[in-house]
Amino acid sequence: MNVATLVGRVLAELGVETVFGVVGSGNFHVTNALVANGARYVAARHEGGAATMADAYARMSGKVGVVSVHQGPGLTNAMTGLAEAAKSRTPLIVLAGEATEARSNFHIDQDAMARAVGAVALRVRSAATAVEDAVGAFRTARAGATVLLNLPLGVQNEIAGEGEAWRLVVESARLASSVTVEGPAPGADAVRLARLLEGARRPVFVAGRGARHARDELLALADRAGALLATSAVAKGLFRGSPWDLDVSGGFSSPLAAELIAGADVLVGWGCALNMWTTRHGRLIGRHTRLVQVDLDPAAIGAHRPVELGVVGDTAWVARAVEAALEGPPAQGYRTPELAGRIVAQVRWRDVTYEEEAGEGRIDPRTLTIALDDLLPPARVVATDSGNFMGYPAMFLDVPDERGFCFTQAFQSVGLGLASAIGAAVALPDRLPVAALGDGGALMGIAELETVVRLGLPMVIVVYDDEAYGAEVHHFGPSGHPLDTVTFPPADLARIARGYGCAAVTVTQRADLDAVASWLAGPRDRPLLVHAKVGGGRGSWWLEEAFRGH
C-alpha cells in the first residue's frame, strides 16, 4: 500500500474513531484509509470549522481528535481552530498534505505555522518510517499536545511493504497508549499541602481542565478538609450535585460565590492556571490567602500568580496522597449549616434579582436564558461562542457534569461556537446539543449550519442578536467613540436558518419561547434556531469585569 493509506490505517488501528475535515487532493487517500478502517468521517464546510469540531470532540470525548486538511490553504484555513486547540493543550492530530517544492502554489512553511501557535510540528519522512512517524504523532497528541503531522505529497505515494512488523508496532503502541502515567510521587509536597489544609478554616478548591478526571478524588479530599468547591470555566459542572459547589470561579462567579472564594484562607488550584479570568485579575485571592497550585506541568506552577506551594503531579494522584496524609477526623472548615442554606438560595445567578432591561421588541438576555434553562432537558451539552453575550449561557444555563460545557475560549476567537457544538454533539450523541452564539459569531460560522442539518443533529442554536459586536460597543461607546464600524442593520437570521433546512423562531418576548417547547415535544427531526433579539443597552457583567483589567 502507499504511505498515505498506511498512515490512515495505522491511526485507525491506534483507536481513532472519528475524523473531521475538508478533503482535497493532498489528504484524499489518508482520509479514505481512515474511513475504510472503521473511522467515521465528518465533512465540514470550512477547514476552520473542521479543526474546531475536532477540538471540541476531543475535549468532550476524552479521545484524540483528528482533522484532515489539504496542503497550503487547507491548513491556513484551519489555523484559528488549531491555535485554540494548541493553547488549550487539546490532544489533536492535524493531518495535512504538504507541498515541499518551492515552485508549488501550495508551498508554505507549514512547520513554522504550527510552531507559531504552539502546536508540535511532525512529519512522515518515508515509507520506511511511516508507521513510526504516525505512532509518534499519536503518542505526542495523547500526552496532551496539538500535533501537525505533515504528509509530503511525494512521500505519500511511496509504496510501503505490508507485513507483520508494522502490525506489531501498532499493537504495542495501542497498548502503551492506554496506560495512564501518573509521574513521580509528590511525597513531601503532598504532606505540606495536608498540613496547610489541616490548619485551614476556610479552604476552597478551584479545579480546572487538568482535574476533570479527578472528581471523585477531589470530592473525597474536600469532604475531609471541609472545603468549598469551584471550577474554572472549562471545567464547569465538575462538582455538580455537591451541596458545596460554587460553580465557576472568576468573571462568571455569582456575588455569593465571589465572596466565598475571596474569603478563603487556603485556596488550592487543581489543574487550573489561576489566570486573570479565574481569579478576576487577582481580586478573588484575599490579602492573607495562602495559595497552592497542583499541576502535572512544572512550568504551569506560578505562571500567573505567585504561590506559596506548588505540587507537581497528576491531580487525582496528588489528591489521594494528600487525603492519605491528613491526620485526625474530618474538619468542618468552611462548611456550616448557615452557609449551606446560603449556597442553596443564592449561589446561582438565576437566584440573583435583576431589573428587566429590554422592551421595544427585545428580550432581556437573562430572562431568555433562564426560560431556556427551564425548557431544555437536563441531559445537554452547551457550547458557547465568544462575545459580549457569552456570560449568559455560561452562568444561566445549567449543565449536568463536566462534559456538559464546551468552552473554546483559550484564543478568544469569535466564530467557533457552532463548530464547537457540532464536535461536542458527535462526541456525546445521547445529549441535546445547545449552541449559544452572538449574531457576529453566528454569521461568521454560518456555513456549518448545513453540516448540522446534513448530520441530522437535533441541535438548539440560540443566537443572542444585538445587531452589533457588543463587546466593542460597550468598551468604546461610553468614551464617545463612533460605533458605525461595529453596529449593523437587522438580519433575518430565522429566515436564513430555514433556508438551510432548520426550524426557526424569532424571540422578542418570553411568550415566543412556546415554539421551543413545541419543538422539544416533537420529533426533533431537524435543528432549531432561536433568533433572540436581545436588549443591548449595557455590557454584561463579565465584560465589565474583564475591562477592569485593561
Protein backbone atom coordinates (compact mmCIF):
# COMPACT_ATOMS: atom_id res chain seq x y z
CA MET A 1 0.00 0.00 0.00
CA ASN A 2 1.12 3.60 -0.39
CA VAL A 3 2.23 5.67 2.61
CA ALA A 4 -0.96 7.78 2.75
CA THR A 5 -3.06 4.62 3.04
CA LEU A 6 -0.69 3.13 5.59
CA VAL A 7 -0.83 6.21 7.85
CA GLY A 8 -4.62 6.20 7.82
CA ARG A 9 -4.67 2.51 8.64
CA VAL A 10 -2.18 2.90 11.49
CA LEU A 11 -4.19 5.72 13.09
CA ALA A 12 -7.38 3.69 12.85
CA GLU A 13 -5.60 0.74 14.49
CA LEU A 14 -4.48 3.07 17.29
CA GLY A 15 -8.12 3.86 18.07
CA VAL A 16 -9.01 6.93 16.01
CA GLU A 17 -12.79 6.64 15.66
CA THR A 18 -13.76 9.99 14.14
CA VAL A 19 -12.05 12.36 11.74
CA PHE A 20 -13.28 15.82 10.73
CA GLY A 21 -12.14 17.62 7.65
CA VAL A 22 -12.43 19.08 4.19
CA VAL A 23 -10.97 16.75 1.57
CA GLY A 24 -8.73 17.83 -1.29
CA SER A 25 -6.18 16.03 -3.39
CA GLY A 26 -3.48 16.16 -0.72
CA ASN A 27 -5.47 14.45 2.02
CA PHE A 28 -7.80 12.31 -0.09
CA HIS A 29 -6.06 8.94 0.37
CA VAL A 30 -5.26 9.23 4.08
CA THR A 31 -8.85 10.23 4.86
CA ASN A 32 -10.28 7.37 2.79
CA ALA A 33 -7.93 4.94 4.53
CA LEU A 34 -9.22 6.04 7.93
CA VAL A 35 -12.80 5.53 6.77
CA ALA A 36 -12.01 2.16 5.19
CA ASN A 37 -10.60 1.01 8.51
CA GLY A 38 -13.62 1.97 10.59
CA ALA A 39 -13.32 5.69 11.37
CA ARG A 40 -16.31 7.98 10.90
CA TYR A 41 -15.68 10.92 8.59
CA VAL A 42 -17.48 14.20 9.34
CA ALA A 43 -17.24 16.63 6.44
CA ALA A 44 -17.23 20.29 7.40
CA ARG A 45 -17.88 23.20 5.06
CA HIS A 46 -14.69 25.06 6.07
CA GLU A 47 -11.38 23.84 7.45
CA GLY A 48 -11.66 26.27 10.35
CA GLY A 49 -14.90 24.60 11.32
CA ALA A 50 -13.38 21.15 10.91
CA ALA A 51 -10.47 21.96 13.23
CA THR A 52 -12.82 23.40 15.86
CA MET A 53 -15.12 20.39 15.62
CA ALA A 54 -12.17 18.05 16.18
CA ASP A 55 -11.01 20.18 19.14
CA ALA A 56 -14.45 20.07 20.78
CA TYR A 57 -14.81 16.35 20.05
CA ALA A 58 -11.51 15.63 21.80
CA ARG A 59 -12.46 17.75 24.83
CA MET A 60 -15.84 16.12 25.29
CA SER A 61 -14.94 12.52 24.41
CA GLY A 62 -11.54 12.29 26.10
CA LYS A 63 -10.16 10.78 22.89
CA VAL A 64 -7.56 12.02 20.45
CA GLY A 65 -9.21 14.30 17.90
CA VAL A 66 -8.22 14.19 14.23
CA VAL A 67 -8.74 16.76 11.49
CA SER A 68 -7.72 16.20 7.87
CA VAL A 69 -6.95 19.12 5.54
CA HIS A 70 -5.42 19.92 2.16
CA GLN A 71 -1.87 21.27 1.88
CA GLY A 72 -1.30 25.03 1.97
CA PRO A 73 -4.67 26.83 2.02
CA GLY A 74 -6.38 23.91 3.71
CA LEU A 75 -4.02 24.34 6.63
CA THR A 76 -4.15 28.14 6.67
CA ASN A 77 -7.94 27.99 6.75
CA ALA A 78 -7.71 25.74 9.83
CA MET A 79 -5.24 27.89 11.75
CA THR A 80 -7.64 29.65 14.14
CA GLY A 81 -9.07 26.33 15.29
CA LEU A 82 -5.55 24.94 15.53
CA ALA A 83 -4.45 27.88 17.69
CA GLU A 84 -7.41 27.37 20.05
CA ALA A 85 -6.60 23.68 20.39
CA ALA A 86 -2.87 24.24 20.95
CA LYS A 87 -3.44 26.91 23.59
CA SER A 88 -5.85 24.52 25.32
CA ARG A 89 -3.44 21.57 25.12
CA THR A 90 -6.11 19.56 23.32
CA PRO A 91 -4.95 16.10 22.22
CA LEU A 92 -5.37 16.63 18.49
CA ILE A 93 -3.70 15.48 15.26
CA VAL A 94 -3.91 17.65 12.16
CA LEU A 95 -3.27 15.55 9.05
CA ALA A 96 -2.16 17.93 6.31
CA GLY A 97 -0.80 17.30 2.88
CA GLU A 98 2.47 19.15 2.30
CA ALA A 99 3.88 20.62 -0.91
CA THR A 100 7.64 20.54 -0.39
CA GLU A 101 8.69 22.09 -3.71
CA ALA A 102 9.04 25.87 -3.52
CA ARG A 103 7.62 26.34 -7.01
CA SER A 104 4.28 24.85 -5.98
CA ASN A 105 1.45 27.33 -5.41
CA PHE A 106 0.61 25.33 -2.28
CA HIS A 107 4.08 25.63 -0.73
CA ILE A 108 4.36 27.38 2.64
CA ASP A 109 6.41 26.71 5.76
CA GLN A 110 3.81 24.55 7.48
CA ASP A 111 6.13 23.72 10.39
CA ALA A 112 6.60 27.40 11.18
CA MET A 113 2.86 28.00 11.11
CA ALA A 114 2.26 25.20 13.58
CA ARG A 115 5.00 26.32 15.93
CA ALA A 116 3.73 29.91 15.79
CA VAL A 117 0.52 28.91 17.55
CA GLY A 118 2.09 26.44 19.97
CA ALA A 119 1.47 23.19 18.10
CA VAL A 120 4.05 20.44 17.62
CA ALA A 121 5.21 20.01 14.00
CA LEU A 122 6.00 16.45 12.89
CA ARG A 123 6.32 14.77 9.52
CA VAL A 124 6.00 11.39 7.82
CA ARG A 125 9.53 11.06 6.47
CA SER A 126 9.49 7.97 4.27
CA ALA A 127 7.85 4.64 3.63
CA ALA A 128 10.38 3.02 5.94
CA THR A 129 9.48 5.32 8.87
CA ALA A 130 5.76 5.87 8.17
CA VAL A 131 4.50 3.60 10.95
CA GLU A 132 6.96 5.01 13.47
CA ASP A 133 6.05 8.58 12.48
CA ALA A 134 2.31 8.01 12.74
CA VAL A 135 2.63 6.24 16.08
CA GLY A 136 4.87 9.03 17.39
CA ALA A 137 2.32 11.69 16.41
CA PHE A 138 -0.44 9.76 18.16
CA ARG A 139 1.59 9.32 21.33
CA THR A 140 2.53 13.01 21.39
CA ALA A 141 -1.09 14.04 20.98
CA ARG A 142 -2.27 11.53 23.55
CA ALA A 143 0.13 13.11 26.07
CA GLY A 144 -1.72 16.44 25.72
CA ALA A 145 -0.44 18.25 22.66
CA THR A 146 -1.85 19.51 19.38
CA VAL A 147 0.23 17.95 16.59
CA LEU A 148 0.58 18.84 12.92
CA LEU A 149 1.53 15.67 11.06
CA ASN A 150 2.76 16.78 7.64
CA LEU A 151 2.24 14.33 4.79
CA PRO A 152 4.61 15.36 1.98
CA LEU A 153 2.98 14.68 -1.37
CA GLY A 154 5.96 12.77 -2.73
CA VAL A 155 6.25 10.57 0.35
CA GLN A 156 2.51 9.78 0.32
CA ASN A 157 2.91 7.97 -2.97
CA GLU A 158 5.81 5.77 -1.86
CA ILE A 159 4.96 2.09 -1.54
CA ALA A 160 5.34 0.54 1.89
CA GLY A 161 5.59 -3.16 2.48
CA GLU A 162 2.73 -4.69 4.42
CA GLY A 163 3.95 -7.29 6.87
CA GLU A 164 3.69 -8.40 10.46
CA ALA A 165 6.35 -5.97 11.65
CA TRP A 166 4.23 -2.85 11.40
CA ARG A 167 1.23 -4.67 12.90
CA LEU A 168 3.30 -5.49 15.98
CA VAL A 169 4.47 -1.90 16.25
CA VAL A 170 0.88 -0.63 16.08
CA GLU A 171 -0.38 -3.15 18.61
CA SER A 172 2.35 -2.30 21.12
CA ALA A 173 1.68 1.40 20.66
CA ARG A 174 -2.05 0.88 21.17
CA LEU A 175 -1.46 -0.97 24.40
CA ALA A 176 1.05 1.60 25.63
CA SER A 177 -1.29 4.47 24.84
CA SER A 178 -3.98 3.02 27.11
CA VAL A 179 -1.74 3.20 30.17
CA THR A 180 -2.06 6.29 32.37
CA VAL A 181 1.31 7.55 33.56
CA GLU A 182 0.96 9.47 36.81
CA GLY A 183 4.54 10.57 37.18
CA PRO A 184 6.66 10.57 40.32
CA ALA A 185 5.05 10.66 43.73
CA PRO A 186 4.82 14.20 45.14
CA GLY A 187 5.99 12.93 48.53
CA ALA A 188 6.88 15.78 50.90
CA ASP A 189 4.83 18.33 48.97
CA ALA A 190 1.68 16.27 49.49
CA VAL A 191 2.38 16.22 53.21
CA ARG A 192 2.95 20.00 53.23
CA LEU A 193 -0.40 20.51 51.49
CA ALA A 194 -2.08 18.21 54.03
CA ARG A 195 -0.68 20.31 56.88
CA LEU A 196 -1.94 23.51 55.24
CA LEU A 197 -5.43 22.05 54.90
CA GLU A 198 -5.41 20.84 58.50
CA GLY A 199 -4.81 24.41 59.64
CA ALA A 200 -7.36 25.96 57.30
CA ARG A 201 -10.69 27.35 58.50
CA ARG A 202 -11.99 28.41 55.08
CA PRO A 203 -10.41 26.19 52.37
CA VAL A 204 -11.54 26.46 48.76
CA PHE A 205 -10.64 24.16 45.83
CA VAL A 206 -10.70 25.53 42.27
CA ALA A 207 -10.44 22.77 39.67
CA GLY A 208 -9.55 23.31 36.02
CA ARG A 209 -9.20 21.27 32.84
CA GLY A 210 -6.36 19.26 34.36
CA ALA A 211 -8.67 17.98 37.10
CA ARG A 212 -11.70 16.94 35.07
CA HIS A 213 -10.72 13.28 35.58
CA ALA A 214 -10.25 13.74 39.34
CA ARG A 215 -13.81 14.49 40.51
CA ASP A 216 -14.08 11.57 42.96
CA GLU A 217 -10.66 12.18 44.49
CA LEU A 218 -11.27 15.91 44.95
CA LEU A 219 -14.72 15.38 46.43
CA ALA A 220 -13.27 12.93 48.95
CA LEU A 221 -10.45 15.28 49.92
CA ALA A 222 -12.80 18.25 50.15
CA ASP A 223 -15.07 16.29 52.48
CA ARG A 224 -12.12 15.58 54.78
CA ALA A 225 -10.87 19.17 54.70
CA GLY A 226 -14.22 20.97 54.83
CA ALA A 227 -13.50 22.76 51.55
CA LEU A 228 -15.87 24.55 49.19
CA LEU A 229 -15.64 23.63 45.52
CA ALA A 230 -15.37 25.77 42.39
CA THR A 231 -14.04 25.36 38.87
CA SER A 232 -12.56 27.34 36.04
CA ALA A 233 -14.97 27.91 33.16
CA VAL A 234 -13.64 24.98 31.12
CA ALA A 235 -14.39 22.55 33.97
CA LYS A 236 -17.88 23.92 34.72
CA GLY A 237 -20.15 21.18 36.06
CA LEU A 238 -17.38 19.07 37.58
CA PHE A 239 -18.84 19.23 41.10
CA ARG A 240 -22.50 19.33 40.12
CA GLY A 241 -24.57 17.56 42.76
CA SER A 242 -22.38 18.57 45.70
CA PRO A 243 -24.11 20.95 48.14
CA TRP A 244 -20.80 22.84 48.38
CA ASP A 245 -20.49 23.56 44.65
CA LEU A 246 -19.95 27.28 43.93
CA ASP A 247 -19.88 26.72 40.15
CA VAL A 248 -17.38 28.88 38.21
CA SER A 249 -14.64 30.96 39.80
CA GLY A 250 -13.84 34.25 38.08
CA GLY A 251 -15.78 36.70 35.96
CA PHE A 252 -18.74 34.30 35.81
CA SER A 253 -18.97 33.94 39.61
CA SER A 254 -22.19 34.97 41.29
CA PRO A 255 -21.83 37.58 44.06
CA LEU A 256 -22.02 34.90 46.78
CA ALA A 257 -19.50 32.64 45.03
CA ALA A 258 -17.08 35.56 44.62
CA GLU A 259 -17.48 36.48 48.30
CA LEU A 260 -16.74 32.95 49.50
CA ILE A 261 -13.77 32.37 47.20
CA ALA A 262 -12.22 35.70 48.14
CA GLY A 263 -12.73 34.79 51.82
CA ALA A 264 -10.65 31.61 51.63
CA ASP A 265 -7.66 31.32 53.92
CA VAL A 266 -6.26 28.45 51.81
CA LEU A 267 -7.06 28.29 48.10
CA VAL A 268 -5.86 25.31 46.06
CA GLY A 269 -5.87 25.35 42.27
CA TRP A 270 -6.09 21.82 40.86
CA GLY A 271 -5.02 21.56 37.22
CA CYS A 272 -6.05 25.18 36.93
CA ALA A 273 -3.97 28.07 35.58
CA LEU A 274 -5.22 30.58 38.20
CA ASN A 275 -5.08 33.19 35.44
CA MET A 276 -6.71 36.62 35.36
CA TRP A 277 -10.07 35.21 34.25
CA THR A 278 -10.32 32.60 37.01
CA THR A 279 -9.15 34.99 39.75
CA ARG A 280 -10.70 38.25 38.47
CA HIS A 281 -7.25 39.72 37.93
CA GLY A 282 -6.27 38.51 41.41
CA ARG A 283 -9.18 40.12 43.27
CA LEU A 284 -10.62 36.72 44.23
CA ILE A 285 -7.43 35.97 46.16
CA GLY A 286 -7.56 37.56 49.60
CA ARG A 287 -4.65 39.52 51.05
CA HIS A 288 -3.89 36.75 53.52
CA THR A 289 -4.92 33.76 51.40
CA ARG A 290 -2.32 31.02 51.22
CA LEU A 291 -2.23 29.98 47.57
CA VAL A 292 -1.38 26.46 46.38
CA GLN A 293 -1.22 25.10 42.84
CA VAL A 294 -1.23 21.44 41.73
CA ASP A 295 -0.37 20.70 38.12
CA LEU A 296 1.21 17.96 36.03
CA ASP A 297 3.26 20.58 34.16
CA PRO A 298 6.02 22.14 36.30
CA ALA A 299 6.04 25.22 34.04
CA ALA A 300 2.41 25.93 34.95
CA ILE A 301 3.19 26.37 38.64
CA GLY A 302 3.16 30.07 39.46
CA ALA A 303 2.91 31.10 35.80
CA HIS A 304 0.11 33.61 36.51
CA ARG A 305 0.16 34.11 40.30
CA PRO A 306 2.91 33.61 42.88
CA VAL A 307 2.10 30.57 45.01
CA GLU A 308 3.20 29.54 48.48
CA LEU A 309 3.31 25.88 47.49
CA GLY A 310 3.47 24.17 44.12
CA VAL A 311 2.88 20.45 43.81
CA VAL A 312 3.84 18.74 40.55
CA GLY A 313 1.83 15.66 39.73
CA ASP A 314 -1.41 14.26 38.36
CA THR A 315 -4.29 15.91 40.20
CA ALA A 316 -6.09 12.68 41.05
CA TRP A 317 -2.91 11.08 42.37
CA VAL A 318 -1.99 14.15 44.43
CA ALA A 319 -5.50 14.39 45.91
CA ARG A 320 -5.30 10.76 47.03
CA ALA A 321 -1.85 11.29 48.51
CA VAL A 322 -2.93 14.41 50.41
CA GLU A 323 -6.02 12.68 51.78
CA ALA A 324 -3.85 9.80 53.00
CA ALA A 325 -1.54 12.28 54.74
CA LEU A 326 -4.34 14.07 56.63
CA GLU A 327 -4.46 13.38 60.34
CA GLY A 328 -7.46 13.43 62.63
CA PRO A 329 -11.19 13.37 61.88
CA PRO A 330 -12.85 15.27 59.02
CA ALA A 331 -12.79 19.03 59.55
CA GLN A 332 -15.78 21.36 59.35
CA GLY A 333 -13.73 24.01 57.57
CA TYR A 334 -15.93 26.32 55.55
CA ARG A 335 -18.94 24.03 55.78
CA THR A 336 -21.50 25.35 58.27
CA PRO A 337 -25.27 24.77 58.23
CA GLU A 338 -25.86 28.50 57.80
CA LEU A 339 -23.58 28.64 54.77
CA ALA A 340 -25.22 25.57 53.26
CA GLY A 341 -28.52 27.44 53.30
CA ARG A 342 -27.00 30.50 51.66
CA ILE A 343 -25.45 28.40 48.89
CA VAL A 344 -28.79 26.72 48.11
CA ALA A 345 -30.60 30.06 48.00
CA GLN A 346 -28.06 32.42 46.43
CA VAL A 347 -25.13 30.80 44.63
CA ARG A 348 -26.86 30.50 41.22
CA TRP A 349 -27.08 33.58 39.04
CA ARG A 350 -30.78 32.94 38.40
CA ASP A 351 -31.38 33.49 42.12
CA VAL A 352 -29.89 37.00 41.95
CA THR A 353 -32.62 39.59 41.44
CA TYR A 354 -32.39 41.97 38.49
CA GLU A 355 -34.43 44.62 36.74
CA GLU A 356 -35.56 43.86 33.19
CA GLU A 357 -33.51 45.75 30.60
CA ALA A 358 -35.43 45.14 27.42
CA GLY A 359 -38.63 46.22 25.71
CA GLU A 360 -39.43 47.69 22.31
CA GLY A 361 -39.31 44.32 20.60
CA ARG A 362 -36.37 42.93 22.56
CA ILE A 363 -35.96 40.41 25.36
CA ASP A 364 -33.59 40.64 28.33
CA PRO A 365 -30.86 38.01 27.72
CA ARG A 366 -31.11 36.90 31.36
CA THR A 367 -34.86 36.31 31.08
CA LEU A 368 -34.31 34.47 27.80
CA THR A 369 -31.62 32.18 29.20
CA ILE A 370 -33.43 31.37 32.45
CA ALA A 371 -36.51 30.41 30.43
CA LEU A 372 -34.41 28.21 28.13
CA ASP A 373 -32.78 26.57 31.15
CA ASP A 374 -36.25 25.63 32.39
CA LEU A 375 -37.33 24.29 28.97
CA LEU A 376 -34.28 22.32 27.82
CA PRO A 377 -33.78 18.76 29.14
CA PRO A 378 -31.06 18.26 31.77
CA ALA A 379 -29.09 15.88 29.53
CA ARG A 380 -27.43 18.59 27.46
CA VAL A 381 -24.07 19.77 26.21
CA VAL A 382 -23.71 23.53 25.85
CA ALA A 383 -21.13 25.13 23.55
CA THR A 384 -20.72 28.89 23.56
CA ASP A 385 -19.09 31.30 21.17
CA SER A 386 -17.13 34.38 22.26
CA GLY A 387 -18.57 37.85 22.69
CA ASN A 388 -20.45 40.21 24.96
CA PHE A 389 -23.32 37.71 25.27
CA MET A 390 -21.36 34.67 26.37
CA GLY A 391 -21.72 35.06 30.12
CA TYR A 392 -25.47 34.49 29.89
CA PRO A 393 -25.31 30.86 28.71
CA ALA A 394 -22.20 30.29 30.84
CA MET A 395 -23.99 31.22 34.06
CA PHE A 396 -27.73 30.83 33.45
CA LEU A 397 -27.70 27.51 31.58
CA ASP A 398 -27.01 24.65 33.96
CA VAL A 399 -25.07 21.56 32.87
CA PRO A 400 -25.22 18.07 34.35
CA ASP A 401 -21.48 17.42 34.73
CA GLU A 402 -18.00 18.32 33.47
CA ARG A 403 -18.87 17.04 30.00
CA GLY A 404 -21.82 19.37 29.72
CA PHE A 405 -19.98 22.59 28.85
CA CYS A 406 -17.69 23.07 25.86
CA PHE A 407 -15.83 26.35 26.31
CA THR A 408 -13.37 27.09 23.50
CA GLN A 409 -12.02 30.43 24.72
CA ALA A 410 -8.26 29.99 25.05
CA PHE A 411 -7.73 32.09 21.91
CA GLN A 412 -10.90 34.18 22.41
CA SER A 413 -11.86 33.97 18.77
CA VAL A 414 -15.37 34.88 17.65
CA GLY A 415 -17.00 32.38 15.29
CA LEU A 416 -16.07 29.00 16.80
CA GLY A 417 -19.29 28.30 18.71
CA LEU A 418 -21.36 26.47 16.11
CA ALA A 419 -18.49 24.20 15.06
CA SER A 420 -17.73 23.52 18.74
CA ALA A 421 -21.32 22.42 19.26
CA ILE A 422 -21.08 20.04 16.29
CA GLY A 423 -17.92 18.40 17.65
CA ALA A 424 -19.48 18.10 21.10
CA ALA A 425 -22.65 16.61 19.62
CA VAL A 426 -20.68 13.96 17.73
CA ALA A 427 -18.80 13.09 20.93
CA LEU A 428 -21.95 12.91 23.08
CA PRO A 429 -24.81 11.71 20.88
CA ASP A 430 -27.04 10.91 23.86
CA ARG A 431 -27.30 14.58 24.89
CA LEU A 432 -29.16 17.54 23.43
CA PRO A 433 -26.54 19.85 21.88
CA VAL A 434 -27.04 23.56 22.53
CA ALA A 435 -25.04 26.18 20.62
CA ALA A 436 -25.06 29.66 22.17
CA LEU A 437 -23.89 32.29 19.69
CA GLY A 438 -23.81 36.03 19.21
CA ASP A 439 -25.02 37.44 15.93
CA GLY A 440 -21.44 38.18 14.85
CA GLY A 441 -20.21 34.66 15.57
CA ALA A 442 -23.31 33.08 14.05
CA LEU A 443 -22.76 34.87 10.76
CA MET A 444 -19.02 34.06 10.76
CA GLY A 445 -19.64 30.33 11.12
CA ILE A 446 -22.98 30.09 9.32
CA ALA A 447 -21.73 27.70 6.61
CA GLU A 448 -21.70 24.95 9.22
CA LEU A 449 -25.50 25.19 9.57
CA GLU A 450 -25.54 22.97 6.51
CA THR A 451 -23.34 20.49 8.40
CA VAL A 452 -25.76 20.44 11.35
CA VAL A 453 -28.69 19.74 9.00
CA ARG A 454 -26.79 17.15 6.94
CA LEU A 455 -25.74 15.24 10.06
CA GLY A 456 -29.31 15.25 11.37
CA LEU A 457 -28.25 16.72 14.71
CA PRO A 458 -31.19 17.67 16.98
CA MET A 459 -29.43 20.87 17.96
CA VAL A 460 -30.84 24.00 19.55
CA ILE A 461 -28.95 27.03 18.23
CA VAL A 462 -29.57 30.19 20.24
CA VAL A 463 -28.43 33.46 18.66
CA TYR A 464 -28.23 36.44 21.03
CA ASP A 465 -28.70 39.21 18.47
CA ASP A 466 -27.93 42.79 19.50
CA GLU A 467 -27.07 43.78 15.91
CA ALA A 468 -23.52 44.68 16.91
CA TYR A 469 -20.16 43.49 18.09
CA GLY A 470 -21.36 44.17 21.60
CA ALA A 471 -18.00 43.96 23.33
CA GLU A 472 -16.66 46.85 21.26
CA VAL A 473 -19.88 48.85 21.65
CA HIS A 474 -19.67 48.67 25.42
CA HIS A 475 -15.91 49.14 25.53
CA PHE A 476 -15.66 52.22 23.33
CA GLY A 477 -19.18 53.66 23.40
CA PRO A 478 -19.02 55.16 26.92
CA SER A 479 -15.98 57.21 25.87
CA GLY A 480 -17.91 58.77 23.00
CA HIS A 481 -16.19 56.96 20.14
CA PRO A 482 -18.17 56.47 16.90
CA LEU A 483 -19.65 52.97 16.64
CA ASP A 484 -20.59 52.76 12.95
CA THR A 485 -17.89 50.14 12.33
CA VAL A 486 -19.27 47.73 14.94
CA THR A 487 -23.05 48.08 14.51
CA PHE A 488 -25.14 46.51 11.76
CA PRO A 489 -28.64 46.62 10.26
CA PRO A 490 -31.11 43.89 11.23
CA ALA A 491 -30.70 40.46 9.63
CA ASP A 492 -33.49 37.87 9.50
CA LEU A 493 -31.47 35.02 10.92
CA ALA A 494 -34.54 32.80 11.34
CA ARG A 495 -35.29 33.07 7.63
CA ILE A 496 -31.66 32.31 6.76
CA ALA A 497 -31.76 29.24 9.02
CA ARG A 498 -34.92 27.97 7.31
CA GLY A 499 -33.09 28.25 4.02
CA TYR A 500 -30.50 25.80 5.35
CA GLY A 501 -33.25 23.39 6.44
CA CYS A 502 -33.58 24.33 10.12
CA ALA A 503 -36.72 25.00 12.06
CA ALA A 504 -36.57 28.56 13.38
CA VAL A 505 -38.32 31.02 15.65
CA THR A 506 -37.74 34.71 16.32
CA VAL A 507 -37.99 35.64 20.01
CA THR A 508 -38.71 39.15 21.26
CA GLN A 509 -40.66 38.21 24.39
CA ARG A 510 -40.95 35.23 26.70
CA ALA A 511 -44.19 34.01 25.12
CA ASP A 512 -42.34 33.40 21.84
CA LEU A 513 -40.49 30.56 23.52
CA ASP A 514 -43.61 28.41 23.33
CA ALA A 515 -42.29 27.43 19.91
CA VAL A 516 -39.18 25.99 21.59
CA ALA A 517 -41.35 23.89 23.89
CA SER A 518 -43.28 22.61 20.87
CA TRP A 519 -40.07 21.66 19.07
CA LEU A 520 -38.79 19.84 22.14
CA ALA A 521 -42.04 17.90 22.40
CA GLY A 522 -41.89 16.91 18.73
CA PRO A 523 -39.69 14.52 16.74
CA ARG A 524 -36.67 16.90 16.74
CA ASP A 525 -36.00 15.76 13.20
CA ARG A 526 -34.21 18.97 12.26
CA PRO A 527 -32.24 21.54 14.23
CA LEU A 528 -33.95 24.57 15.77
CA LEU A 529 -32.52 28.07 15.52
CA VAL A 530 -33.76 30.53 18.13
CA HIS A 531 -33.19 34.06 16.81
CA ALA A 532 -33.38 36.07 20.02
CA LYS A 533 -33.47 39.83 19.62
CA VAL A 534 -31.85 40.76 22.91
CA GLY A 535 -31.55 44.09 24.66
CA GLY A 536 -28.10 45.58 24.27
CA GLY A 537 -28.27 48.65 26.46
CA ARG A 538 -25.31 47.72 28.64
CA GLY A 539 -22.38 45.36 28.72
CA SER A 540 -22.74 42.08 30.53
CA TRP A 541 -21.27 41.82 34.00
CA TRP A 542 -18.43 39.51 32.93
CA LEU A 543 -17.35 42.01 30.27
CA GLU A 544 -17.33 44.86 32.76
CA GLU A 545 -15.12 42.71 34.97
CA ALA A 546 -12.76 41.94 32.10
CA PHE A 547 -12.44 45.61 31.18
CA ARG A 548 -11.35 46.45 34.72
CA GLY A 549 -8.10 44.64 33.98
CA HIS A 550 -7.23 46.76 30.94
